[in-house]
Amino acid sequence: MPFARDTDYWPAGKSWMINFRVDDLDALVARLRQAGIEAVTDPAWDTPETGRFARIHDPEGNPIELWEPPAE
């Protein structure tokens, strides 16, 4: 989904974000943290309608969003 040019959804100077669909966000976040990768979560990002989210960054600082869709 395109975002407005002045979005604050990701850091200034970054023009895109990859979004990966995952099955078990809690387990994945735990594995990432065990590997020393910072994984950010925020309950404000999560809703029953859209699912749950976490964010990591690639080596260049680009955000990568991890999305667990809501249970059906």
PDB file of N, CA and C in Angstrom:
ATOM      1  N   MET A   1       0.841  -1.170   0.000  1.00  0.00           N
ATOM      2  CA  MET A   1       0.000   0.000   0.000  1.00  0.00           C
ATOM      3  C   MET A   1       0.890   1.238   0.000  1.00  0.00           C
ATOM      4  N   PRO A   2       0.661   2.175  -0.877  1.00  0.00           N
ATOM      5  CA  PRO A   2       1.474   3.394  -0.898  1.00  0.00           C
ATOM      6  C   PRO A   2       1.163   4.277   0.316  1.00  0.00           C
ATOM      7  N   PHE A   3       2.168   4.973   0.759  1.00  0.00           N
ATOM      8  CA  PHE A   3       2.019   5.911   1.860  1.00  0.00           C
ATOM      9  C   PHE A   3       2.261   7.322   1.347  1.00  0.00           C
ATOM     10  N   ALA A   4       1.764   8.296   2.074  1.00  0.00           N
ATOM     11  CA  ALA A   4       1.990   9.699   1.710  1.00  0.00           C
ATOM     12  C   ALA A   4       3.481  10.006   1.761  1.00  0.00           C
ATOM     13  N   ARG A   5       3.909  10.940   0.937  1.00  0.00           N
ATOM     14  CA  ARG A   5       5.319  11.326   0.870  1.00  0.00           C
ATOM     15  C   ARG A   5       5.845  11.761   2.239  1.00  0.00           C
ATOM     16  N   ASP A   6       5.010  12.387   3.058  1.00  0.00           N
ATOM     17  CA  ASP A   6       5.454  12.904   4.350  1.00  0.00           C
ATOM     18  C   ASP A   6       5.083  11.979   5.514  1.00  0.00           C
ATOM     19  N   THR A   7       4.902  10.692   5.248  1.00  0.00           N
ATOM     20  CA  THR A   7       4.531   9.747   6.303  1.00  0.00           C
ATOM     21  C   THR A   7       5.589   9.702   7.403  1.00  0.00           C
ATOM     22  N   ASP A   8       5.139   9.432   8.613  1.00  0.00           N
ATOM     23  CA  ASP A   8       6.081   9.199   9.705  1.00  0.00           C
ATOM     24  C   ASP A   8       6.058   7.722  10.104  1.00  0.00           C
ATOM     25  N   TYR A   9       5.521   6.886   9.200  1.00  0.00           N
ATOM     26  CA  TYR A   9       5.431   5.450   9.467  1.00  0.00           C
ATOM     27  C   TYR A   9       6.807   4.795   9.482  1.00  0.00           C
ATOM     28  N   TRP A  10       7.775   5.379   8.766  1.00  0.00           N
ATOM     29  CA  TRP A  10       9.163   4.927   8.819  1.00  0.00           C
ATOM     30  C   TRP A  10      10.062   6.150   8.857  1.00  0.00           C
ATOM     31  N   PRO A  11      11.342   5.957   9.144  1.00  0.00           N
ATOM     32  CA  PRO A  11      12.239   7.107   9.337  1.00  0.00           C
ATOM     33  C   PRO A  11      12.387   7.975   8.085  1.00  0.00           C
ATOM     34  N   ALA A  12      12.609   9.253   8.319  1.00  0.00           N
ATOM     35  CA  ALA A  12      12.883  10.185   7.222  1.00  0.00           C
ATOM     36  C   ALA A  12      14.102   9.694   6.458  1.00  0.00           C
ATOM     37  N   GLY A  13      14.110   9.877   5.163  1.00  0.00           N
ATOM     38  CA  GLY A  13      15.230   9.431   4.346  1.00  0.00           C
ATOM     39  C   GLY A  13      15.082   8.003   3.846  1.00  0.00           C
ATOM     40  N   LYS A  14      14.075   7.291   4.316  1.00  0.00           N
ATOM     41  CA  LYS A  14      13.794   5.935   3.845  1.00  0.00           C
ATOM     42  C   LYS A  14      12.507   5.989   3.038  1.00  0.00           C
ATOM     43  N   SER A  15      12.502   5.367   1.868  1.00  0.00           N
ATOM     44  CA  SER A  15      11.340   5.513   1.000  1.00  0.00           C
ATOM     45  C   SER A  15      10.500   4.244   0.877  1.00  0.00           C
ATOM     46  N   TRP A  16      10.887   3.184   1.555  1.00  0.00           N
ATOM     47  CA  TRP A  16      10.124   1.952   1.436  1.00  0.00           C
ATOM     48  C   TRP A  16      10.321   1.085   2.666  1.00  0.00           C
ATOM     49  N   MET A  17       9.487   0.058   2.780  1.00  0.00           N
ATOM     50  CA  MET A  17       9.598  -0.914   3.856  1.00  0.00           C
ATOM     51  C   MET A  17       9.120  -2.262   3.318  1.00  0.00           C
ATOM     52  N   ILE A  18       9.839  -3.305   3.632  1.00  0.00           N
ATOM     53  CA  ILE A  18       9.421  -4.670   3.289  1.00  0.00           C
ATOM     54  C   ILE A  18       8.497  -5.161   4.401  1.00  0.00           C
ATOM     55  N   ASN A  19       7.481  -5.926   4.032  1.00  0.00           N
ATOM     56  CA  ASN A  19       6.541  -6.482   4.986  1.00  0.00           C
ATOM     57  C   ASN A  19       6.465  -7.985   4.738  1.00  0.00           C
ATOM     58  N   PHE A  20       6.779  -8.773   5.778  1.00  0.00           N
ATOM     59  CA  PHE A  20       6.703 -10.229   5.674  1.00  0.00           C
ATOM     60  C   PHE A  20       5.555 -10.751   6.528  1.00  0.00           C
ATOM     61  N   ARG A  21       4.776 -11.653   5.964  1.00  0.00           N
ATOM     62  CA  ARG A  21       3.709 -12.332   6.692  1.00  0.00           C
ATOM     63  C   ARG A  21       4.333 -13.514   7.432  1.00  0.00           C
ATOM     64  N   VAL A  22       4.030 -13.634   8.739  1.00  0.00           N
ATOM     65  CA  VAL A  22       4.603 -14.711   9.552  1.00  0.00           C
ATOM     66  C   VAL A  22       3.480 -15.456  10.273  1.00  0.00           C
ATOM     67  N   ASP A  23       3.775 -16.686  10.693  1.00  0.00           N
ATOM     68  CA  ASP A  23       2.772 -17.517  11.359  1.00  0.00           C
ATOM     69  C   ASP A  23       2.750 -17.361  12.875  1.00  0.00           C
ATOM     70  N   ASP A  24       3.901 -17.234  13.508  1.00  0.00           N
ATOM     71  CA  ASP A  24       3.977 -17.183  14.971  1.00  0.00           C
ATOM     72  C   ASP A  24       4.906 -16.041  15.356  1.00  0.00           C
ATOM     73  N   LEU A  25       4.340 -14.860  15.456  1.00  0.00           N
ATOM     74  CA  LEU A  25       5.140 -13.660  15.689  1.00  0.00           C
ATOM     75  C   LEU A  25       5.932 -13.745  16.992  1.00  0.00           C
ATOM     76  N   ASP A  26       5.313 -14.223  18.056  1.00  0.00           N
ATOM     77  CA  ASP A  26       6.016 -14.294  19.343  1.00  0.00           C
ATOM     78  C   ASP A  26       7.255 -15.185  19.259  1.00  0.00           C
ATOM     79  N   ALA A  27       7.126 -16.344  18.644  1.00  0.00           N
ATOM     80  CA  ALA A  27       8.267 -17.254  18.525  1.00  0.00           C
ATOM     81  C   ALA A  27       9.356 -16.653  17.648  1.00  0.00           C
ATOM     82  N   LEU A  28       8.965 -16.008  16.554  1.00  0.00           N
ATOM     83  CA  LEU A  28       9.948 -15.396  15.668  1.00  0.00           C
ATOM     84  C   LEU A  28      10.686 -14.262  16.365  1.00  0.00           C
ATOM     85  N   VAL A  29       9.958 -13.407  17.062  1.00  0.00           N
ATOM     86  CA  VAL A  29      10.594 -12.299  17.789  1.00  0.00           C
ATOM     87  C   VAL A  29      11.564 -12.851  18.836  1.00  0.00           C
ATOM     88  N   ALA A  30      11.184 -13.899  19.528  1.00  0.00           N
ATOM     89  CA  ALA A  30      12.074 -14.502  20.524  1.00  0.00           C
ATOM     90  C   ALA A  30      13.356 -15.022  19.870  1.00  0.00           C
ATOM     91  N   ARG A  31      13.223 -15.696  18.726  1.00  0.00           N
ATOM     92  CA  ARG A  31      14.410 -16.214  18.024  1.00  0.00           C
ATOM     93  C   ARG A  31      15.302 -15.076  17.533  1.00  0.00           C
ATOM     94  N   LEU A  32      14.701 -14.021  17.013  1.00  0.00           N
ATOM     95  CA  LEU A  32      15.483 -12.880  16.546  1.00  0.00           C
ATOM     96  C   LEU A  32      16.250 -12.247  17.694  1.00  0.00           C
ATOM     97  N   ARG A  33      15.596 -12.054  18.811  1.00  0.00           N
ATOM     98  CA  ARG A  33      16.256 -11.445  19.977  1.00  0.00           C
ATOM     99  C   ARG A  33      17.369 -12.339  20.509  1.00  0.00           C
ATOM    100  N   GLN A  34      17.157 -13.655  20.512  1.00  0.00           N
ATOM    101  CA  GLN A  34      18.212 -14.584  20.935  1.00  0.00           C
ATOM    102  C   GLN A  34      19.430 -14.482  20.032  1.00  0.00           C
ATOM    103  N   ALA A  35      19.200 -14.135  18.764  1.00  0.00           N
ATOM    104  CA  ALA A  35      20.298 -13.998  17.801  1.00  0.00           C
ATOM    105  C   ALA A  35      20.922 -12.603  17.848  1.00  0.00           C
ATOM    106  N   GLY A  36      20.449 -11.748  18.771  1.00  0.00           N
ATOM    107  CA  GLY A  36      21.015 -10.419  18.902  1.00  0.00           C
ATOM    108  C   GLY A  36      20.425  -9.385  17.958  1.00  0.00           C
ATOM    109  N   ILE A  37      19.286  -9.697  17.359  1.00  0.00           N
ATOM    110  CA  ILE A  37      18.626  -8.771  16.434  1.00  0.00           C
ATOM    111  C   ILE A  37      17.530  -8.040  17.192  1.00  0.00           C
ATOM    112  N   GLU A  38      17.580  -6.713  17.176  1.00  0.00           N
ATOM    113  CA  GLU A  38      16.565  -5.931  17.862  1.00  0.00           C
ATOM    114  C   GLU A  38      15.238  -6.055  17.111  1.00  0.00           C
ATOM    115  N   ALA A  39      14.224  -6.481  17.815  1.00  0.00           N
ATOM    116  CA  ALA A  39      12.874  -6.584  17.259  1.00  0.00           C
ATOM    117  C   ALA A  39      11.970  -5.714  18.116  1.00  0.00           C
ATOM    118  N   VAL A  40      11.360  -4.724  17.494  1.00  0.00           N
ATOM    119  CA  VAL A  40      10.519  -3.765  18.210  1.00  0.00           C
ATOM    120  C   VAL A  40       9.058  -4.176  18.061  1.00  0.00           C
ATOM    121  N   THR A  41       8.341  -4.169  19.174  1.00  0.00           N
ATOM    122  CA  THR A  41       6.899  -4.396  19.160  1.00  0.00           C
ATOM    123  C   THR A  41       6.234  -3.212  19.847  1.00  0.00           C
ATOM    124  N   ASP A  42       4.981  -2.993  19.536  1.00  0.00           N
ATOM    125  CA  ASP A  42       4.222  -1.907  20.147  1.00  0.00           C
ATOM    126  C   ASP A  42       2.756  -2.325  20.127  1.00  0.00           C
ATOM    127  N   PRO A  43       2.146  -2.497  21.294  1.00  0.00           N
ATOM    128  CA  PRO A  43       0.735  -2.907  21.318  1.00  0.00           C
ATOM    129  C   PRO A  43      -0.178  -1.980  20.517  1.00  0.00           C
ATOM    130  N   ALA A  44       0.216  -0.724  20.352  1.00  0.00           N
ATOM    131  CA  ALA A  44      -0.605   0.215  19.572  1.00  0.00           C
ATOM    132  C   ALA A  44      -0.670  -0.175  18.099  1.00  0.00           C
ATOM    133  N   TRP A  45       0.292  -0.965  17.624  1.00  0.00           N
ATOM    134  CA  TRP A  45       0.289  -1.401  16.222  1.00  0.00           C
ATOM    135  C   TRP A  45      -0.691  -2.538  15.975  1.00  0.00           C
ATOM    136  N   ASP A  46      -1.100  -3.238  17.031  1.00  0.00           N
ATOM    137  CA  ASP A  46      -1.881  -4.470  16.916  1.00  0.00           C
ATOM    138  C   ASP A  46      -3.373  -4.202  17.093  1.00  0.00           C
ATOM    139  N   THR A  47      -4.177  -4.813  16.203  1.00  0.00           N
ATOM    140  CA  THR A  47      -5.630  -4.751  16.354  1.00  0.00           C
ATOM    141  C   THR A  47      -6.215  -6.098  15.959  1.00  0.00           C
ATOM    142  N   PRO A  48      -7.385  -6.423  16.487  1.00  0.00           N
ATOM    143  CA  PRO A  48      -8.017  -7.676  16.087  1.00  0.00           C
ATOM    144  C   PRO A  48      -8.326  -7.725  14.587  1.00  0.00           C
ATOM    145  N   GLU A  49      -8.558  -6.557  13.973  1.00  0.00           N
ATOM    146  CA  GLU A  49      -8.903  -6.513  12.557  1.00  0.00           C
ATOM    147  C   GLU A  49      -7.683  -6.680  11.645  1.00  0.00           C
ATOM    148  N   THR A  50      -6.550  -6.138  12.037  1.00  0.00           N
ATOM    149  CA  THR A  50      -5.376  -6.171  11.159  1.00  0.00           C
ATOM    150  C   THR A  50      -4.316  -7.182  11.578  1.00  0.00           C
ATOM    151  N   GLY A  51      -4.318  -7.610  12.827  1.00  0.00           N
ATOM    152  CA  GLY A  51      -3.321  -8.560  13.289  1.00  0.00           C
ATOM    153  C   GLY A  51      -2.274  -7.903  14.169  1.00  0.00           C
ATOM    154  N   ARG A  52      -1.101  -8.548  14.233  1.00  0.00           N
ATOM    155  CA  ARG A  52      -0.014  -8.111  15.111  1.00  0.00           C
ATOM    156  C   ARG A  52       1.221  -7.819  14.280  1.00  0.00           C
ATOM    157  N   PHE A  53       2.059  -6.907  14.788  1.00  0.00           N
ATOM    158  CA  PHE A  53       3.219  -6.445  14.044  1.00  0.00           C
ATOM    159  C   PHE A  53       4.461  -6.362  14.921  1.00  0.00           C
ATOM    160  N   ALA A  54       5.604  -6.522  14.296  1.00  0.00           N
ATOM    161  CA  ALA A  54       6.904  -6.255  14.907  1.00  0.00           C
ATOM    162  C   ALA A  54       7.762  -5.649  13.813  1.00  0.00           C
ATOM    163  N   ARG A  55       8.832  -4.997  14.208  1.00  0.00           N
ATOM    164  CA  ARG A  55       9.692  -4.358  13.212  1.00  0.00           C
ATOM    165  C   ARG A  55      11.156  -4.626  13.535  1.00  0.00           C
ATOM    166  N   ILE A  56      11.900  -4.960  12.499  1.00  0.00           N
ATOM    167  CA  ILE A  56      13.345  -5.086  12.560  1.00  0.00           C
ATOM    168  C   ILE A  56      13.921  -4.187  11.468  1.00  0.00           C
ATOM    169  N   HIS A  57      15.240  -4.114  11.368  1.00  0.00           N
ATOM    170  CA  HIS A  57      15.873  -3.290  10.326  1.00  0.00           C
ATOM    171  C   HIS A  57      16.982  -4.075   9.644  1.00  0.00           C
ATOM    172  N   ASP A  58      17.136  -3.849   8.343  1.00  0.00           N
ATOM    173  CA  ASP A  58      18.224  -4.486   7.612  1.00  0.00           C
ATOM    174  C   ASP A  58      19.533  -3.749   7.937  1.00  0.00           C
ATOM    175  N   PRO A  59      20.678  -4.256   7.460  1.00  0.00           N
ATOM    176  CA  PRO A  59      21.962  -3.627   7.786  1.00  0.00           C
ATOM    177  C   PRO A  59      22.081  -2.164   7.346  1.00  0.00           C
ATOM    178  N   GLU A  60      21.261  -1.740   6.381  1.00  0.00           N
ATOM    179  CA  GLU A  60      21.298  -0.344   5.926  1.00  0.00           C
ATOM    180  C   GLU A  60      20.300   0.534   6.660  1.00  0.00           C
ATOM    181  N   GLY A  61      19.589  -0.048   7.627  1.00  0.00           N
ATOM    182  CA  GLY A  61      18.636   0.717   8.420  1.00  0.00           C
ATOM    183  C   GLY A  61      17.234   0.782   7.857  1.00  0.00           C
ATOM    184  N   ASN A  62      16.967   0.058   6.778  1.00  0.00           N
ATOM    185  CA  ASN A  62      15.614   0.037   6.219  1.00  0.00           C
ATOM    186  C   ASN A  62      14.707  -0.811   7.107  1.00  0.00           C
ATOM    187  N   PRO A  63      13.503  -0.319   7.400  1.00  0.00           N
ATOM    188  CA  PRO A  63      12.599  -1.089   8.246  1.00  0.00           C
ATOM    189  C   PRO A  63      12.042  -2.310   7.519  1.00  0.00           C
ATOM    190  N   ILE A  64      11.889  -3.378   8.286  1.00  0.00           N
ATOM    191  CA  ILE A  64      11.258  -4.612   7.809  1.00  0.00           C
ATOM    192  C   ILE A  64      10.152  -4.923   8.805  1.00  0.00           C
ATOM    193  N   GLU A  65       8.927  -4.958   8.317  1.00  0.00           N
ATOM    194  CA  GLU A  65       7.790  -5.214   9.193  1.00  0.00           C
ATOM    195  C   GLU A  65       7.416  -6.692   9.125  1.00  0.00           C
ATOM    196  N   LEU A  66       7.186  -7.269  10.280  1.00  0.00           N
ATOM    197  CA  LEU A  66       6.748  -8.647  10.400  1.00  0.00           C
ATOM    198  C   LEU A  66       5.281  -8.606  10.812  1.00  0.00           C
ATOM    199  N   TRP A  67       4.427  -9.272  10.056  1.00  0.00           N
ATOM    200  CA  TRP A  67       2.994  -9.199  10.262  1.00  0.00           C
ATOM    201  C   TRP A  67       2.399 -10.582  10.476  1.00  0.00           C
ATOM    202  N   GLU A  68       1.731 -10.761  11.590  1.00  0.00           N
ATOM    203  CA  GLU A  68       0.951 -11.970  11.836  1.00  0.00           C
ATOM    204  C   GLU A  68      -0.523 -11.600  11.657  1.00  0.00           C
ATOM    205  N   PRO A  69      -1.160 -12.108  10.596  1.00  0.00           N
ATOM    206  CA  PRO A  69      -2.566 -11.752  10.373  1.00  0.00           C
ATOM    207  C   PRO A  69      -3.444 -12.249  11.509  1.00  0.00           C
ATOM    208  N   PRO A  70      -4.635 -11.663  11.638  1.00  0.00           N
ATOM    209  CA  PRO A  70      -5.548 -12.123  12.693  1.00  0.00           C
ATOM    210  C   PRO A  70      -5.991 -13.557  12.455  1.00  0.00           C
ATOM    211  N   ALA A  71      -6.288 -14.229  13.551  1.00  0.00           N
ATOM    212  CA  ALA A  71      -6.805 -15.598  13.444  1.00  0.00           C
ATOM    213  C   ALA A  71      -8.149 -15.564  12.734  1.00  0.00           C
ATOM    214  N   GLU A  72      -8.381 -16.559  11.910  1.00  0.00           N
ATOM    215  CA  GLU A  72      -9.640 -16.598  11.158  1.00  0.00           C
ATOM    216  C   GLU A  72     -10.725 -17.280  11.932  1.00  0.00           C
TER     217      GLU A  72
END
